[in-house]
Amino acid sequence: MKKICAIIAMLFLLTACGMFVKEDKVTKAVEKQGYTNVQVLDKHIFFVNWRGCSKSDEAAFDVLATNALGQNVDLVVCAGWPFKGVTVRSK
């Protein structure tokens, strides 16, 4: 029984590390790319590679921002925890 609990705990920790990624990390990265009016719409921590992120990412964020031309754009922002940086992708 202890082994089963340990396996379940390890699987949870390996798949749910995205809940530790903070939104302000994402917002700062998008602003550094030149976007303004950054709004984080949603956060996904499961199956992030199905949302356009790599296997090394822990969280995917749906973001709405304004680009340099003044247009609203939808972005997917991929982030890792604790050491991976942030990747900004356009939809």
C-alpha atoms as a PDB file:
ATOM      1  CA  MET A   1       0.000   0.000   0.000  1.00  0.00           C
ATOM      2  CA  LYS A   2       2.856   2.381   0.799  1.00  0.00           C
ATOM      3  CA  LYS A   3       4.407   1.765  -2.608  1.00  0.00           C
ATOM      4  CA  ILE A   4       1.160   2.569  -4.385  1.00  0.00           C
ATOM      5  CA  CYS A   5       0.774   5.816  -2.422  1.00  0.00           C
ATOM      6  CA  ALA A   6       4.368   6.756  -3.203  1.00  0.00           C
ATOM      7  CA  ILE A   7       3.842   6.106  -6.924  1.00  0.00           C
ATOM      8  CA  ILE A   8       0.651   8.174  -6.966  1.00  0.00           C
ATOM      9  CA  ALA A   9       2.394  11.017  -5.131  1.00  0.00           C
ATOM     10  CA  MET A  10       5.320  10.967  -7.579  1.00  0.00           C
ATOM     11  CA  LEU A  11       2.990  11.004 -10.590  1.00  0.00           C
ATOM     12  CA  PHE A  12       1.084  13.940  -9.130  1.00  0.00           C
ATOM     13  CA  LEU A  13       4.262  15.894  -8.436  1.00  0.00           C
ATOM     14  CA  LEU A  14       5.651  15.229 -11.899  1.00  0.00           C
ATOM     15  CA  THR A  15       2.476  16.245 -13.719  1.00  0.00           C
ATOM     16  CA  ALA A  16       1.243  19.075 -11.511  1.00  0.00           C
ATOM     17  CA  CYS A  17       4.403  21.167 -11.152  1.00  0.00           C
ATOM     18  CA  GLY A  18       2.740  23.734 -13.386  1.00  0.00           C
ATOM     19  CA  MET A  19       0.618  24.922 -10.499  1.00  0.00           C
ATOM     20  CA  PHE A  20       3.777  26.477  -9.031  1.00  0.00           C
ATOM     21  CA  VAL A  21       4.337  28.732 -12.082  1.00  0.00           C
ATOM     22  CA  LYS A  22       3.225  32.258 -11.240  1.00  0.00           C
ATOM     23  CA  GLU A  23       1.259  34.487 -13.605  1.00  0.00           C
ATOM     24  CA  ASP A  24       3.573  37.446 -13.000  1.00  0.00           C
ATOM     25  CA  LYS A  25       6.454  35.458 -14.533  1.00  0.00           C
ATOM     26  CA  VAL A  26       4.360  35.070 -17.680  1.00  0.00           C
ATOM     27  CA  THR A  27       3.214  38.694 -17.730  1.00  0.00           C
ATOM     28  CA  LYS A  28       6.781  40.003 -17.413  1.00  0.00           C
ATOM     29  CA  ALA A  29       7.999  37.767 -20.243  1.00  0.00           C
ATOM     30  CA  VAL A  30       5.224  38.909 -22.590  1.00  0.00           C
ATOM     31  CA  GLU A  31       5.879  42.571 -21.765  1.00  0.00           C
ATOM     32  CA  LYS A  32       9.600  42.091 -22.477  1.00  0.00           C
ATOM     33  CA  GLN A  33       8.602  40.941 -25.976  1.00  0.00           C
ATOM     34  CA  GLY A  34       7.013  44.351 -26.574  1.00  0.00           C
ATOM     35  CA  TYR A  35       3.361  43.566 -25.888  1.00  0.00           C
ATOM     36  CA  THR A  36       1.137  45.783 -23.746  1.00  0.00           C
ATOM     37  CA  ASN A  37      -2.225  45.359 -21.983  1.00  0.00           C
ATOM     38  CA  VAL A  38      -1.310  41.788 -21.084  1.00  0.00           C
ATOM     39  CA  GLN A  39      -4.201  39.726 -19.715  1.00  0.00           C
ATOM     40  CA  VAL A  40      -3.785  36.124 -18.612  1.00  0.00           C
ATOM     41  CA  LEU A  41      -7.047  34.429 -19.527  1.00  0.00           C
ATOM     42  CA  ASP A  42      -6.452  30.825 -18.495  1.00  0.00           C
ATOM     43  CA  LYS A  43      -3.811  28.491 -17.078  1.00  0.00           C
ATOM     44  CA  HIS A  44      -3.386  24.842 -18.043  1.00  0.00           C
ATOM     45  CA  ILE A  45      -1.194  22.428 -16.103  1.00  0.00           C
ATOM     46  CA  PHE A  46      -2.148  19.125 -17.690  1.00  0.00           C
ATOM     47  CA  PHE A  47      -1.366  18.026 -21.270  1.00  0.00           C
ATOM     48  CA  VAL A  48       0.470  21.275 -22.025  1.00  0.00           C
ATOM     49  CA  ASN A  49       2.232  19.724 -25.025  1.00  0.00           C
ATOM     50  CA  TRP A  50      -1.222  19.364 -26.625  1.00  0.00           C
ATOM     51  CA  ARG A  51      -1.560  23.144 -26.356  1.00  0.00           C
ATOM     52  CA  GLY A  52       1.553  23.966 -28.380  1.00  0.00           C
ATOM     53  CA  CYS A  53       4.200  23.743 -25.665  1.00  0.00           C
ATOM     54  CA  SER A  54       7.188  21.432 -25.434  1.00  0.00           C
ATOM     55  CA  LYS A  55       7.482  18.374 -23.228  1.00  0.00           C
ATOM     56  CA  SER A  56       9.759  20.277 -20.864  1.00  0.00           C
ATOM     57  CA  ASP A  57       7.081  22.888 -20.108  1.00  0.00           C
ATOM     58  CA  GLU A  58       4.957  22.556 -16.998  1.00  0.00           C
ATOM     59  CA  ALA A  59       2.231  25.129 -17.695  1.00  0.00           C
ATOM     60  CA  ALA A  60       0.511  26.756 -20.649  1.00  0.00           C
ATOM     61  CA  PHE A  61      -1.201  30.120 -20.366  1.00  0.00           C
ATOM     62  CA  ASP A  62      -3.758  31.628 -22.747  1.00  0.00           C
ATOM     63  CA  VAL A  63      -2.893  35.313 -22.982  1.00  0.00           C
ATOM     64  CA  LEU A  64      -4.499  38.292 -24.706  1.00  0.00           C
ATOM     65  CA  ALA A  65      -2.202  41.256 -25.403  1.00  0.00           C
ATOM     66  CA  THR A  66      -1.755  44.253 -27.666  1.00  0.00           C
ATOM     67  CA  ASN A  67       1.102  44.152 -30.172  1.00  0.00           C
ATOM     68  CA  ALA A  68       3.204  47.050 -31.490  1.00  0.00           C
ATOM     69  CA  LEU A  69       0.649  47.711 -34.255  1.00  0.00           C
ATOM     70  CA  GLY A  70      -2.135  48.186 -31.704  1.00  0.00           C
ATOM     71  CA  GLN A  71      -3.839  44.895 -32.568  1.00  0.00           C
ATOM     72  CA  ASN A  72      -5.145  42.487 -29.953  1.00  0.00           C
ATOM     73  CA  VAL A  73      -3.445  39.121 -30.345  1.00  0.00           C
ATOM     74  CA  ASP A  74      -3.978  35.721 -28.755  1.00  0.00           C
ATOM     75  CA  LEU A  75      -0.834  34.102 -27.393  1.00  0.00           C
ATOM     76  CA  VAL A  76       0.114  30.830 -25.798  1.00  0.00           C
ATOM     77  CA  VAL A  77       2.804  31.263 -23.193  1.00  0.00           C
ATOM     78  CA  CYS A  78       4.648  28.133 -22.113  1.00  0.00           C
ATOM     79  CA  ALA A  79       6.546  28.016 -18.842  1.00  0.00           C
ATOM     80  CA  GLY A  80       8.542  25.524 -16.845  1.00  0.00           C
ATOM     81  CA  TRP A  81       9.237  25.146 -13.170  1.00  0.00           C
ATOM     82  CA  PRO A  82      11.582  25.742 -11.428  1.00  0.00           C
ATOM     83  CA  PHE A  83      14.470  26.389 -13.845  1.00  0.00           C
ATOM     84  CA  LYS A  84      13.016  26.577 -17.358  1.00  0.00           C
ATOM     85  CA  GLY A  85      12.210  29.969 -18.773  1.00  0.00           C
ATOM     86  CA  VAL A  86       9.152  31.200 -20.643  1.00  0.00           C
ATOM     87  CA  THR A  87       8.319  30.832 -24.339  1.00  0.00           C
ATOM     88  CA  VAL A  88       5.821  33.184 -26.019  1.00  0.00           C
ATOM     89  CA  ARG A  89       3.998  31.707 -29.010  1.00  0.00           C
ATOM     90  CA  SER A  90       1.370  33.272 -31.245  1.00  0.00           C
ATOM     91  CA  LYS A  91      -1.768  31.303 -32.035  1.00  0.00           C
END
